[in-house]
PDB file of N, CA and C in Angstrom:
ATOM      1  N   UNK A   1     -13.764   6.178   1.603  1.00  0.00           N
ATOM      2  CA  UNK A   1     -13.323   5.359   0.508  1.00  0.00           C
ATOM      3  C   UNK A   1     -13.953   5.858  -0.790  1.00  0.00           C
ATOM      4  N   UNK A   2     -13.184   5.806  -1.856  1.00  0.00           N
ATOM      5  CA  UNK A   2     -13.643   6.327  -3.139  1.00  0.00           C
ATOM      6  C   UNK A   2     -14.891   5.609  -3.646  1.00  0.00           C
ATOM      7  N   UNK A   3     -14.957   4.293  -3.451  1.00  0.00           N
ATOM      8  CA  UNK A   3     -16.134   3.538  -3.891  1.00  0.00           C
ATOM      9  C   UNK A   3     -17.389   3.986  -3.152  1.00  0.00           C
ATOM     10  N   UNK A   4     -17.235   4.228  -1.858  1.00  0.00           N
ATOM     11  CA  UNK A   4     -18.379   4.668  -1.057  1.00  0.00           C
ATOM     12  C   UNK A   4     -18.830   6.066  -1.471  1.00  0.00           C
ATOM     13  N   UNK A   5     -17.862   6.930  -1.800  1.00  0.00           N
ATOM     14  CA  UNK A   5     -18.209   8.274  -2.275  1.00  0.00           C
ATOM     15  C   UNK A   5     -18.952   8.168  -3.602  1.00  0.00           C
ATOM     16  N   UNK A   6     -18.478   7.312  -4.508  1.00  0.00           N
ATOM     17  CA  UNK A   6     -19.139   7.117  -5.799  1.00  0.00           C
ATOM     18  C   UNK A   6     -20.570   6.619  -5.607  1.00  0.00           C
ATOM     19  N   UNK A   7     -20.753   5.680  -4.710  1.00  0.00           N
ATOM     20  CA  UNK A   7     -22.094   5.155  -4.429  1.00  0.00           C
ATOM     21  C   UNK A   7     -23.011   6.254  -3.921  1.00  0.00           C
ATOM     22  N   UNK A   8     -22.504   7.094  -3.023  1.00  0.00           N
ATOM     23  CA  UNK A   8     -23.309   8.198  -2.488  1.00  0.00           C
ATOM     24  C   UNK A   8     -23.666   9.205  -3.588  1.00  0.00           C
ATOM     25  N   UNK A   9     -22.709   9.533  -4.455  1.00  0.00           N
ATOM     26  CA  UNK A   9     -22.981  10.464  -5.560  1.00  0.00           C
ATOM     27  C   UNK A   9     -24.051   9.901  -6.492  1.00  0.00           C
ATOM     28  N   UNK A  10     -23.949   8.620  -6.810  1.00  0.00           N
ATOM     29  CA  UNK A  10     -24.937   7.980  -7.682  1.00  0.00           C
ATOM     30  C   UNK A  10     -26.317   7.945  -7.032  1.00  0.00           C
ATOM     31  N   UNK A  11     -26.348   7.648  -5.736  1.00  0.00           N
ATOM     32  CA  UNK A  11     -27.614   7.585  -5.009  1.00  0.00           C
ATOM     33  C   UNK A  11     -28.310   8.949  -4.994  1.00  0.00           C
ATOM     34  N   UNK A  12     -27.518  10.019  -4.936  1.00  0.00           N
ATOM     35  CA  UNK A  12     -28.087  11.370  -4.913  1.00  0.00           C
ATOM     36  C   UNK A  12     -28.404  11.905  -6.311  1.00  0.00           C
ATOM     37  N   UNK A  13     -28.143  11.094  -7.342  1.00  0.00           N
ATOM     38  CA  UNK A  13     -28.531  11.480  -8.696  1.00  0.00           C
ATOM     39  C   UNK A  13     -27.473  12.224  -9.492  1.00  0.00           C
ATOM     40  N   UNK A  14     -26.260  12.337  -8.987  1.00  0.00           N
ATOM     41  CA  UNK A  14     -25.192  12.994  -9.736  1.00  0.00           C
ATOM     42  C   UNK A  14     -24.696  12.062 -10.838  1.00  0.00           C
ATOM     43  N   UNK A  15     -24.276  12.663 -11.945  1.00  0.00           N
ATOM     44  CA  UNK A  15     -23.685  11.887 -13.029  1.00  0.00           C
ATOM     45  C   UNK A  15     -22.378  12.546 -13.443  1.00  0.00           C
ATOM     46  N   UNK A  16     -21.518  11.766 -14.080  1.00  0.00           N
ATOM     47  CA  UNK A  16     -20.242  12.289 -14.549  1.00  0.00           C
ATOM     48  C   UNK A  16     -20.425  13.211 -15.744  1.00  0.00           C
ATOM     49  N   UNK A  17     -19.332  13.762 -16.228  1.00  0.00           N
ATOM     50  CA  UNK A  17     -19.364  14.720 -17.335  1.00  0.00           C
ATOM     51  C   UNK A  17     -19.983  14.123 -18.598  1.00  0.00           C
ATOM     52  N   UNK A  18     -19.843  12.860 -18.801  1.00  0.00           N
ATOM     53  CA  UNK A  18     -20.393  12.202 -19.996  1.00  0.00           C
ATOM     54  C   UNK A  18     -21.711  11.493 -19.714  1.00  0.00           C
ATOM     55  N   UNK A  19     -22.343  11.829 -18.613  1.00  0.00           N
ATOM     56  CA  UNK A  19     -23.643  11.255 -18.286  1.00  0.00           C
ATOM     57  C   UNK A  19     -23.607   9.862 -17.699  1.00  0.00           C
ATOM     58  N   UNK A  20     -22.416   9.381 -17.326  1.00  0.00           N
ATOM     59  CA  UNK A  20     -22.316   8.025 -16.771  1.00  0.00           C
ATOM     60  C   UNK A  20     -22.289   8.071 -15.243  1.00  0.00           C
ATOM     61  N   UNK A  21     -22.531   6.912 -14.653  1.00  0.00           N
ATOM     62  CA  UNK A  21     -22.493   6.808 -13.198  1.00  0.00           C
ATOM     63  C   UNK A  21     -21.060   6.906 -12.701  1.00  0.00           C
ATOM     64  N   UNK A  22     -20.914   7.349 -11.470  1.00  0.00           N
ATOM     65  CA  UNK A  22     -19.587   7.413 -10.856  1.00  0.00           C
ATOM     66  C   UNK A  22     -19.148   6.030 -10.414  1.00  0.00           C
ATOM     67  N   UNK A  23     -17.844   5.792 -10.509  1.00  0.00           N
ATOM     68  CA  UNK A  23     -17.220   4.593  -9.971  1.00  0.00           C
ATOM     69  C   UNK A  23     -16.074   5.044  -9.078  1.00  0.00           C
ATOM     70  N   UNK A  24     -15.561   4.144  -8.261  1.00  0.00           N
ATOM     71  CA  UNK A  24     -14.454   4.477  -7.359  1.00  0.00           C
ATOM     72  C   UNK A  24     -13.260   5.050  -8.100  1.00  0.00           C
ATOM     73  N   UNK A  25     -12.978   4.511  -9.287  1.00  0.00           N
ATOM     74  CA  UNK A  25     -11.835   4.986 -10.072  1.00  0.00           C
ATOM     75  C   UNK A  25     -12.014   6.437 -10.511  1.00  0.00           C
ATOM     76  N   UNK A  26     -13.288   6.812 -10.849  1.00  0.00           N
ATOM     77  CA  UNK A  26     -13.555   8.196 -11.238  1.00  0.00           C
ATOM     78  C   UNK A  26     -13.297   9.153 -10.081  1.00  0.00           C
ATOM     79  N   UNK A  27     -13.753   8.772  -8.897  1.00  0.00           N
ATOM     80  CA  UNK A  27     -13.559   9.609  -7.712  1.00  0.00           C
ATOM     81  C   UNK A  27     -12.071   9.727  -7.405  1.00  0.00           C
ATOM     82  N   UNK A  28     -11.343   8.622  -7.499  1.00  0.00           N
ATOM     83  CA  UNK A  28      -9.894   8.638  -7.256  1.00  0.00           C
ATOM     84  C   UNK A  28      -9.209   9.606  -8.214  1.00  0.00           C
ATOM     85  N   UNK A  29      -9.566   9.521  -9.503  1.00  0.00           N
ATOM     86  CA  UNK A  29      -8.960  10.394 -10.507  1.00  0.00           C
ATOM     87  C   UNK A  29      -9.268  11.863 -10.225  1.00  0.00           C
ATOM     88  N   UNK A  30     -10.497  12.159  -9.875  1.00  0.00           N
ATOM     89  CA  UNK A  30     -10.869  13.544  -9.550  1.00  0.00           C
ATOM     90  C   UNK A  30     -10.109  14.052  -8.327  1.00  0.00           C
ATOM     91  N   UNK A  31      -9.973  13.195  -7.312  1.00  0.00           N
ATOM     92  CA  UNK A  31      -9.216  13.610  -6.120  1.00  0.00           C
ATOM     93  C   UNK A  31      -7.778  13.931  -6.488  1.00  0.00           C
ATOM     94  N   UNK A  32      -7.173  13.095  -7.319  1.00  0.00           N
ATOM     95  CA  UNK A  32      -5.778  13.327  -7.727  1.00  0.00           C
ATOM     96  C   UNK A  32      -5.655  14.616  -8.526  1.00  0.00           C
ATOM     97  N   UNK A  33      -6.554  14.845  -9.464  1.00  0.00           N
ATOM     98  CA  UNK A  33      -6.499  16.057 -10.294  1.00  0.00           C
ATOM     99  C   UNK A  33      -6.682  17.327  -9.479  1.00  0.00           C
ATOM    100  N   UNK A  34      -7.547  17.267  -8.470  1.00  0.00           N
ATOM    101  CA  UNK A  34      -7.832  18.454  -7.670  1.00  0.00           C
ATOM    102  C   UNK A  34      -6.998  18.525  -6.395  1.00  0.00           C
ATOM    103  N   UNK A  35      -6.121  17.559  -6.185  1.00  0.00           N
ATOM    104  CA  UNK A  35      -5.243  17.571  -5.018  1.00  0.00           C
ATOM    105  C   UNK A  35      -5.957  17.320  -3.704  1.00  0.00           C
ATOM    106  N   UNK A  36      -7.038  16.561  -3.732  1.00  0.00           N
ATOM    107  CA  UNK A  36      -7.784  16.252  -2.510  1.00  0.00           C
ATOM    108  C   UNK A  36      -7.206  15.006  -1.856  1.00  0.00           C
ATOM    109  N   UNK A  37      -6.873  15.071  -0.575  1.00  0.00           N
ATOM    110  CA  UNK A  37      -6.263  13.909   0.086  1.00  0.00           C
ATOM    111  C   UNK A  37      -7.288  12.812   0.366  1.00  0.00           C
ATOM    112  N   UNK A  38      -6.776  11.619   0.571  1.00  0.00           N
ATOM    113  CA  UNK A  38      -7.647  10.513   0.980  1.00  0.00           C
ATOM    114  C   UNK A  38      -7.894  10.615   2.472  1.00  0.00           C
ATOM    115  N   UNK A  39      -8.902   9.918   2.903  1.00  0.00           N
ATOM    116  CA  UNK A  39      -9.140   9.807   4.334  1.00  0.00           C
ATOM    117  C   UNK A  39      -8.213   8.709   4.816  1.00  0.00           C
ATOM    118  N   UNK A  40      -7.321   9.036   5.730  1.00  0.00           N
ATOM    119  CA  UNK A  40      -6.370   8.042   6.212  1.00  0.00           C
ATOM    120  C   UNK A  40      -6.981   7.243   7.349  1.00  0.00           C
ATOM    121  N   UNK A  41      -6.607   6.003   7.409  1.00  0.00           N
ATOM    122  CA  UNK A  41      -7.082   5.122   8.470  1.00  0.00           C
ATOM    123  C   UNK A  41      -6.697   5.691   9.835  1.00  0.00           C
ATOM    124  N   UNK A  42      -5.486   6.215   9.915  1.00  0.00           N
ATOM    125  CA  UNK A  42      -4.969   6.720  11.190  1.00  0.00           C
ATOM    126  C   UNK A  42      -4.966   8.250  11.221  1.00  0.00           C
ATOM    127  N   UNK A  43      -5.958   8.849  10.558  1.00  0.00           N
ATOM    128  CA  UNK A  43      -6.129  10.310  10.487  1.00  0.00           C
ATOM    129  C   UNK A  43      -4.881  10.961   9.906  1.00  0.00           C
ATOM    130  N   UNK A  44      -4.324  11.940  10.590  1.00  0.00           N
ATOM    131  CA  UNK A  44      -3.151  12.644  10.041  1.00  0.00           C
ATOM    132  C   UNK A  44      -1.838  12.107  10.599  1.00  0.00           C
ATOM    133  N   UNK A  45      -1.905  11.116  11.482  1.00  0.00           N
ATOM    134  CA  UNK A  45      -0.689  10.545  12.057  1.00  0.00           C
ATOM    135  C   UNK A  45       0.088   9.749  11.005  1.00  0.00           C
ATOM    136  N   UNK A  46       1.385   9.641  11.223  1.00  0.00           N
ATOM    137  CA  UNK A  46       2.205   8.796  10.353  1.00  0.00           C
ATOM    138  C   UNK A  46       1.816   7.339  10.571  1.00  0.00           C
ATOM    139  N   UNK A  47       2.026   6.523   9.570  1.00  0.00           N
ATOM    140  CA  UNK A  47       1.718   5.100   9.719  1.00  0.00           C
ATOM    141  C   UNK A  47       2.628   4.489  10.775  1.00  0.00           C
ATOM    142  N   UNK A  48       2.060   3.683  11.677  1.00  0.00           N
ATOM    143  CA  UNK A  48       2.895   3.041  12.692  1.00  0.00           C
ATOM    144  C   UNK A  48       3.711   1.912  12.062  1.00  0.00           C
ATOM    145  N   UNK A  49       4.801   1.502  12.693  1.00  0.00           N
ATOM    146  CA  UNK A  49       5.552   0.355  12.168  1.00  0.00           C
ATOM    147  C   UNK A  49       4.689  -0.903  12.093  1.00  0.00           C
ATOM    148  N   UNK A  50       3.850  -1.090  13.126  1.00  0.00           N
ATOM    149  CA  UNK A  50       2.927  -2.238  13.153  1.00  0.00           C
ATOM    150  C   UNK A  50       1.533  -1.736  13.469  1.00  0.00           C
ATOM    151  N   UNK A  51       0.568  -2.336  12.783  1.00  0.00           N
ATOM    152  CA  UNK A  51      -0.832  -2.008  13.032  1.00  0.00           C
ATOM    153  C   UNK A  51      -1.324  -2.837  14.210  1.00  0.00           C
ATOM    154  N   UNK A  52      -2.433  -2.445  14.839  1.00  0.00           N
ATOM    155  CA  UNK A  52      -2.949  -3.201  15.989  1.00  0.00           C
ATOM    156  C   UNK A  52      -3.219  -4.684  15.703  1.00  0.00           C
ATOM    157  N   UNK A  53      -3.505  -5.030  14.438  1.00  0.00           N
ATOM    158  CA  UNK A  53      -3.779  -6.432  14.119  1.00  0.00           C
ATOM    159  C   UNK A  53      -2.500  -7.257  13.921  1.00  0.00           C
ATOM    160  N   UNK A  54      -1.319  -6.625  14.109  1.00  0.00           N
ATOM    161  CA  UNK A  54      -0.047  -7.336  14.005  1.00  0.00           C
ATOM    162  C   UNK A  54       0.618  -7.243  12.647  1.00  0.00           C
ATOM    163  N   UNK A  55      -0.090  -6.709  11.653  1.00  0.00           N
ATOM    164  CA  UNK A  55       0.523  -6.536  10.339  1.00  0.00           C
ATOM    165  C   UNK A  55       1.444  -5.321  10.371  1.00  0.00           C
ATOM    166  N   UNK A  56       2.327  -5.250   9.395  1.00  0.00           N
ATOM    167  CA  UNK A  56       3.314  -4.174   9.324  1.00  0.00           C
ATOM    168  C   UNK A  56       2.921  -3.141   8.278  1.00  0.00           C
ATOM    169  N   UNK A  57       3.302  -1.894   8.514  1.00  0.00           N
ATOM    170  CA  UNK A  57       3.218  -0.881   7.469  1.00  0.00           C
ATOM    171  C   UNK A  57       4.411  -1.103   6.541  1.00  0.00           C
ATOM    172  N   UNK A  58       4.443  -0.411   5.420  1.00  0.00           N
ATOM    173  CA  UNK A  58       5.577  -0.536   4.502  1.00  0.00           C
ATOM    174  C   UNK A  58       6.864  -0.156   5.224  1.00  0.00           C
ATOM    175  N   UNK A  59       6.834   0.943   5.962  1.00  0.00           N
ATOM    176  CA  UNK A  59       8.020   1.403   6.685  1.00  0.00           C
ATOM    177  C   UNK A  59       8.421   0.414   7.775  1.00  0.00           C
ATOM    178  N   UNK A  60       7.439  -0.152   8.464  1.00  0.00           N
ATOM    179  CA  UNK A  60       7.726  -1.123   9.514  1.00  0.00           C
ATOM    180  C   UNK A  60       8.326  -2.405   8.963  1.00  0.00           C
ATOM    181  N   UNK A  61       7.792  -2.868   7.831  1.00  0.00           N
ATOM    182  CA  UNK A  61       8.335  -4.077   7.201  1.00  0.00           C
ATOM    183  C   UNK A  61       9.760  -3.819   6.710  1.00  0.00           C
ATOM    184  N   UNK A  62       9.987  -2.630   6.155  1.00  0.00           N
ATOM    185  CA  UNK A  62      11.334  -2.285   5.674  1.00  0.00           C
ATOM    186  C   UNK A  62      12.324  -2.281   6.835  1.00  0.00           C
ATOM    187  N   UNK A  63      11.923  -1.721   7.970  1.00  0.00           N
ATOM    188  CA  UNK A  63      12.804  -1.692   9.140  1.00  0.00           C
ATOM    189  C   UNK A  63      13.058  -3.109   9.676  1.00  0.00           C
ATOM    190  N   UNK A  64      12.012  -3.936   9.691  1.00  0.00           N
ATOM    191  CA  UNK A  64      12.157  -5.305  10.201  1.00  0.00           C
ATOM    192  C   UNK A  64      13.104  -6.134   9.337  1.00  0.00           C
ATOM    193  N   UNK A  65      13.105  -5.865   8.025  1.00  0.00           N
ATOM    194  CA  UNK A  65      13.957  -6.628   7.111  1.00  0.00           C
ATOM    195  C   UNK A  65      15.266  -5.930   6.778  1.00  0.00           C
ATOM    196  N   UNK A  66      15.421  -4.714   7.268  1.00  0.00           N
ATOM    197  CA  UNK A  66      16.619  -3.915   7.000  1.00  0.00           C
ATOM    198  C   UNK A  66      16.812  -3.676   5.496  1.00  0.00           C
ATOM    199  N   UNK A  67      15.717  -3.269   4.844  1.00  0.00           N
ATOM    200  CA  UNK A  67      15.740  -2.922   3.429  1.00  0.00           C
ATOM    201  C   UNK A  67      15.015  -1.583   3.255  1.00  0.00           C
ATOM    202  N   UNK A  68      14.962  -1.088   2.041  1.00  0.00           N
ATOM    203  CA  UNK A  68      14.244   0.160   1.776  1.00  0.00           C
ATOM    204  C   UNK A  68      12.756  -0.122   1.559  1.00  0.00           C
ATOM    205  N   UNK A  69      11.916   0.888   1.746  1.00  0.00           N
ATOM    206  CA  UNK A  69      10.494   0.695   1.441  1.00  0.00           C
ATOM    207  C   UNK A  69      10.266   0.262  -0.016  1.00  0.00           C
ATOM    208  N   UNK A  70      11.084   0.748  -0.933  1.00  0.00           N
ATOM    209  CA  UNK A  70      10.941   0.351  -2.334  1.00  0.00           C
ATOM    210  C   UNK A  70      11.142  -1.151  -2.512  1.00  0.00           C
ATOM    211  N   UNK A  71      12.042  -1.729  -1.734  1.00  0.00           N
ATOM    212  CA  UNK A  71      12.259  -3.176  -1.795  1.00  0.00           C
ATOM    213  C   UNK A  71      11.012  -3.914  -1.324  1.00  0.00           C
ATOM    214  N   UNK A  72      10.339  -3.386  -0.317  1.00  0.00           N
ATOM    215  CA  UNK A  72       9.093  -4.011   0.162  1.00  0.00           C
ATOM    216  C   UNK A  72       8.060  -4.014  -0.955  1.00  0.00           C
ATOM    217  N   UNK A  73       7.940  -2.896  -1.687  1.00  0.00           N
ATOM    218  CA  UNK A  73       7.004  -2.854  -2.808  1.00  0.00           C
ATOM    219  C   UNK A  73       7.381  -3.892  -3.873  1.00  0.00           C
ATOM    220  N   UNK A  74       8.674  -4.061  -4.129  1.00  0.00           N
ATOM    221  CA  UNK A  74       9.126  -5.075  -5.088  1.00  0.00           C
ATOM    222  C   UNK A  74       8.771  -6.479  -4.597  1.00  0.00           C
ATOM    223  N   UNK A  75       8.983  -6.742  -3.309  1.00  0.00           N
ATOM    224  CA  UNK A  75       8.649  -8.048  -2.734  1.00  0.00           C
ATOM    225  C   UNK A  75       7.146  -8.317  -2.850  1.00  0.00           C
ATOM    226  N   UNK A  76       6.324  -7.288  -2.619  1.00  0.00           N
ATOM    227  CA  UNK A  76       4.877  -7.448  -2.744  1.00  0.00           C
ATOM    228  C   UNK A  76       4.513  -7.787  -4.188  1.00  0.00           C
ATOM    229  N   UNK A  77       5.120  -7.084  -5.124  1.00  0.00           N
ATOM    230  CA  UNK A  77       4.826  -7.307  -6.536  1.00  0.00           C
ATOM    231  C   UNK A  77       5.245  -8.713  -6.982  1.00  0.00           C
ATOM    232  N   UNK A  78       6.382  -9.196  -6.470  1.00  0.00           N
ATOM    233  CA  UNK A  78       6.891 -10.522  -6.840  1.00  0.00           C
ATOM    234  C   UNK A  78       6.222 -11.658  -6.068  1.00  0.00           C
ATOM    235  N   UNK A  79       5.436 -11.322  -5.053  1.00  0.00           N
ATOM    236  CA  UNK A  79       4.772 -12.349  -4.266  1.00  0.00           C
ATOM    237  C   UNK A  79       5.605 -12.895  -3.126  1.00  0.00           C
ATOM    238  N   UNK A  80       6.748 -12.257  -2.846  1.00  0.00           N
ATOM    239  CA  UNK A  80       7.572 -12.697  -1.717  1.00  0.00           C
ATOM    240  C   UNK A  80       6.948 -12.280  -0.390  1.00  0.00           C
ATOM    241  N   UNK A  81       6.132 -11.245  -0.422  1.00  0.00           N
ATOM    242  CA  UNK A  81       5.387 -10.794   0.751  1.00  0.00           C
ATOM    243  C   UNK A  81       3.914 -10.713   0.377  1.00  0.00           C
ATOM    244  N   UNK A  82       3.068 -10.860   1.385  1.00  0.00           N
ATOM    245  CA  UNK A  82       1.633 -10.723   1.178  1.00  0.00           C
ATOM    246  C   UNK A  82       1.175  -9.493   1.938  1.00  0.00           C
ATOM    247  N   UNK A  83       0.492  -8.617   1.228  1.00  0.00           N
ATOM    248  CA  UNK A  83      -0.026  -7.408   1.853  1.00  0.00           C
ATOM    249  C   UNK A  83      -1.320  -7.003   1.175  1.00  0.00           C
ATOM    250  N   UNK A  84      -2.012  -6.064   1.796  1.00  0.00           N
ATOM    251  CA  UNK A  84      -3.264  -5.598   1.207  1.00  0.00           C
ATOM    252  C   UNK A  84      -3.489  -4.128   1.558  1.00  0.00           C
ATOM    253  N   UNK A  85      -4.279  -3.493   0.743  1.00  0.00           N
ATOM    254  CA  UNK A  85      -4.762  -2.141   1.000  1.00  0.00           C
ATOM    255  C   UNK A  85      -6.280  -2.236   1.009  1.00  0.00           C
ATOM    256  N   UNK A  86      -6.935  -1.468   1.876  1.00  0.00           N
ATOM    257  CA  UNK A  86      -8.398  -1.478   1.860  1.00  0.00           C
ATOM    258  C   UNK A  86      -8.895  -0.964   0.517  1.00  0.00           C
ATOM    259  N   UNK A  87      -8.212   0.040  -0.003  1.00  0.00           N
ATOM    260  CA  UNK A  87      -8.496   0.580  -1.321  1.00  0.00           C
ATOM    261  C   UNK A  87      -7.290   1.367  -1.788  1.00  0.00           C
ATOM    262  N   UNK A  88      -7.241   1.685  -3.042  1.00  0.00           N
ATOM    263  CA  UNK A  88      -6.122   2.433  -3.613  1.00  0.00           C
ATOM    264  C   UNK A  88      -5.908   3.728  -2.828  1.00  0.00           C
ATOM    265  N   UNK A  89      -4.661   4.000  -2.477  1.00  0.00           N
ATOM    266  CA  UNK A  89      -4.343   5.211  -1.724  1.00  0.00           C
ATOM    267  C   UNK A  89      -4.304   5.023  -0.221  1.00  0.00           C
ATOM    268  N   UNK A  90      -4.778   3.883   0.262  1.00  0.00           N
ATOM    269  CA  UNK A  90      -4.761   3.607   1.692  1.00  0.00           C
ATOM    270  C   UNK A  90      -3.445   2.920   2.059  1.00  0.00           C
ATOM    271  N   UNK A  91      -3.062   2.979   3.335  1.00  0.00           N
ATOM    272  CA  UNK A  91      -1.811   2.341   3.751  1.00  0.00           C
ATOM    273  C   UNK A  91      -1.836   0.822   3.555  1.00  0.00           C
ATOM    274  N   UNK A  92      -0.673   0.276   3.283  1.00  0.00           N
ATOM    275  CA  UNK A  92      -0.518  -1.164   3.152  1.00  0.00           C
ATOM    276  C   UNK A  92      -0.462  -1.813   4.522  1.00  0.00           C
ATOM    277  N   UNK A  93      -0.934  -3.045   4.573  1.00  0.00           N
ATOM    278  CA  UNK A  93      -0.801  -3.906   5.749  1.00  0.00           C
ATOM    279  C   UNK A  93      -0.121  -5.179   5.276  1.00  0.00           C
ATOM    280  N   UNK A  94       1.115  -5.351   5.707  1.00  0.00           N
ATOM    281  CA  UNK A  94       1.945  -6.457   5.221  1.00  0.00           C
ATOM    282  C   UNK A  94       2.008  -7.542   6.285  1.00  0.00           C
ATOM    283  N   UNK A  95       1.671  -8.777   5.875  1.00  0.00           N
ATOM    284  CA  UNK A  95       1.776  -9.913   6.797  1.00  0.00           C
ATOM    285  C   UNK A  95       3.220 -10.388   6.806  1.00  0.00           C
ATOM    286  N   UNK A  96       3.787 -10.463   7.992  1.00  0.00           N
ATOM    287  CA  UNK A  96       5.197 -10.817   8.125  1.00  0.00           C
ATOM    288  C   UNK A  96       5.383 -11.553   9.443  1.00  0.00           C
ATOM    289  N   UNK A  97       5.731 -12.832   9.362  1.00  0.00           N
ATOM    290  CA  UNK A  97       5.984 -13.622  10.575  1.00  0.00           C
ATOM    291  C   UNK A  97       7.473 -13.603  10.886  1.00  0.00           C
ATOM    292  N   UNK A  98       7.826 -14.037  12.075  1.00  0.00           N
ATOM    293  CA  UNK A  98       9.245 -14.112  12.453  1.00  0.00           C
ATOM    294  C   UNK A  98      10.013 -15.035  11.508  1.00  0.00           C
ATOM    295  N   UNK A  99       9.398 -16.164  11.135  1.00  0.00           N
ATOM    296  CA  UNK A  99      10.050 -17.089  10.204  1.00  0.00           C
ATOM    297  C   UNK A  99      10.264 -16.443   8.836  1.00  0.00           C
ATOM    298  N   UNK A 100       9.262 -15.687   8.401  1.00  0.00           N
ATOM    299  CA  UNK A 100       9.364 -15.001   7.115  1.00  0.00           C
ATOM    300  C   UNK A 100      10.481 -13.954   7.158  1.00  0.00           C
ATOM    301  N   UNK A 101      10.595 -13.247   8.263  1.00  0.00           N
ATOM    302  CA  UNK A 101      11.656 -12.244   8.424  1.00  0.00           C
ATOM    303  C   UNK A 101      13.016 -12.923   8.322  1.00  0.00           C
ATOM    304  N   UNK A 102      13.199 -14.039   9.035  1.00  0.00           N
ATOM    305  CA  UNK A 102      14.474 -14.761   8.985  1.00  0.00           C
ATOM    306  C   UNK A 102      14.785 -15.259   7.579  1.00  0.00           C
ATOM    307  N   UNK A 103      13.788 -15.808   6.901  1.00  0.00           N
ATOM    308  CA  UNK A 103      13.984 -16.316   5.539  1.00  0.00           C
ATOM    309  C   UNK A 103      14.414 -15.195   4.588  1.00  0.00           C
ATOM    310  N   UNK A 104      13.734 -14.063   4.647  1.00  0.00           N
ATOM    311  CA  UNK A 104      14.065 -12.965   3.735  1.00  0.00           C
ATOM    312  C   UNK A 104      15.394 -12.306   4.102  1.00  0.00           C
ATOM    313  N   UNK A 105      15.716 -12.253   5.391  1.00  0.00           N
ATOM    314  CA  UNK A 105      17.030 -11.713   5.789  1.00  0.00           C
ATOM    315  C   UNK A 105      18.158 -12.622   5.321  1.00  0.00           C
ATOM    316  N   UNK A 106      17.948 -13.942   5.371  1.00  0.00           N
ATOM    317  CA  UNK A 106      18.958 -14.891   4.883  1.00  0.00           C
ATOM    318  C   UNK A 106      19.170 -14.743   3.383  1.00  0.00           C
ATOM    319  N   UNK A 107      18.139 -14.387   2.684  1.00  0.00           N
ATOM    320  CA  UNK A 107      18.183 -14.230   1.230  1.00  0.00           C
ATOM    321  C   UNK A 107      18.976 -12.977   0.839  1.00  0.00           C
ATOM    322  N   UNK A 108      18.936 -11.944   1.657  1.00  0.00           N
ATOM    323  CA  UNK A 108      19.557 -10.657   1.318  1.00  0.00           C
ATOM    324  C   UNK A 108      21.066 -10.708   1.108  1.00  0.00           C
ATOM    325  N   UNK A 109      21.850 -11.325   1.981  1.00  0.00           N
ATOM    326  CA  UNK A 109      23.304 -11.313   1.754  1.00  0.00           C
ATOM    327  C   UNK A 109      23.699 -11.914   0.408  1.00  0.00           C
ATOM    328  N   UNK A 110      23.002 -12.949  -0.027  1.00  0.00           N
ATOM    329  CA  UNK A 110      23.310 -13.555  -1.317  1.00  0.00           C
ATOM    330  C   UNK A 110      23.024 -12.595  -2.459  1.00  0.00           C
ATOM    331  N   UNK A 111      21.940 -11.875  -2.357  1.00  0.00           N
ATOM    332  CA  UNK A 111      21.577 -10.914  -3.406  1.00  0.00           C
ATOM    333  C   UNK A 111      22.566  -9.760  -3.415  1.00  0.00           C
ATOM    334  N   UNK A 112      22.838  -9.201  -2.248  1.00  0.00           N
ATOM    335  CA  UNK A 112      23.755  -8.065  -2.166  1.00  0.00           C
ATOM    336  C   UNK A 112      25.159  -8.461  -2.585  1.00  0.00           C
ATOM    337  N   UNK A 113      25.596  -9.661  -2.186  1.00  0.00           N
ATOM    338  CA  UNK A 113      26.949 -10.124  -2.509  1.00  0.00           C
ATOM    339  C   UNK A 113      27.102 -10.310  -4.021  1.00  0.00           C
ATOM    340  N   UNK A 114      26.091 -10.855  -4.670  1.00  0.00           N
ATOM    341  CA  UNK A 114      26.206 -11.117  -6.103  1.00  0.00           C
ATOM    342  C   UNK A 114      26.335  -9.821  -6.885  1.00  0.00           C
ATOM    343  N   UNK A 115      25.739  -8.755  -6.427  1.00  0.00           N
ATOM    344  CA  UNK A 115      25.860  -7.474  -7.115  1.00  0.00           C
ATOM    345  C   UNK A 115      27.267  -6.883  -6.945  1.00  0.00           C
ATOM    346  N   UNK A 116      27.898  -7.126  -5.796  1.00  0.00           N
ATOM    347  CA  UNK A 116      29.231  -6.569  -5.563  1.00  0.00           C
ATOM    348  C   UNK A 116      30.294  -7.273  -6.392  1.00  0.00           C
ATOM    349  N   UNK A 117      30.073  -8.526  -6.775  1.00  0.00           N
ATOM    350  CA  UNK A 117      31.087  -9.283  -7.502  1.00  0.00           C
ATOM    351  C   UNK A 117      31.067  -9.014  -9.015  1.00  0.00           C
ATOM    352  N   UNK A 118      30.153  -8.176  -9.481  1.00  0.00           N
ATOM    353  CA  UNK A 118      30.064  -7.923 -10.920  1.00  0.00           C
ATOM    354  C   UNK A 118      31.384  -7.324 -11.419  1.00  0.00           C
ATOM    355  N   UNK A 119      31.837  -7.816 -12.552  1.00  0.00           N
ATOM    356  CA  UNK A 119      33.143  -7.384 -13.078  1.00  0.00           C
ATOM    357  C   UNK A 119      33.031  -6.140 -13.936  1.00  0.00           C
TER     358      UNK A 119
END
């Protein structure tokens, strides 16, 4: 995790270019600039549809709701779904119950239908 790396760098006496302490955001930015990958929770494997704790990955939630992964991100942003990342760059874990799946699937035909009727 970037925060843990920043803590280790600070503990060992390293400082940033401007003499300031490292923070998780600084490490994240450096990784992005230098093309260094994050440590994935599931190593190099693709994210599973469902995690062992029962939460869904973005792809798994999209498949369960029959929408695109981008729609899942929109739902997360709007608060229609609840999900979390351990830290920036880590896979999402989306909480999705059977009732929630049914509710969101019922909502979809109305949304899709209204777009088709546009004159």
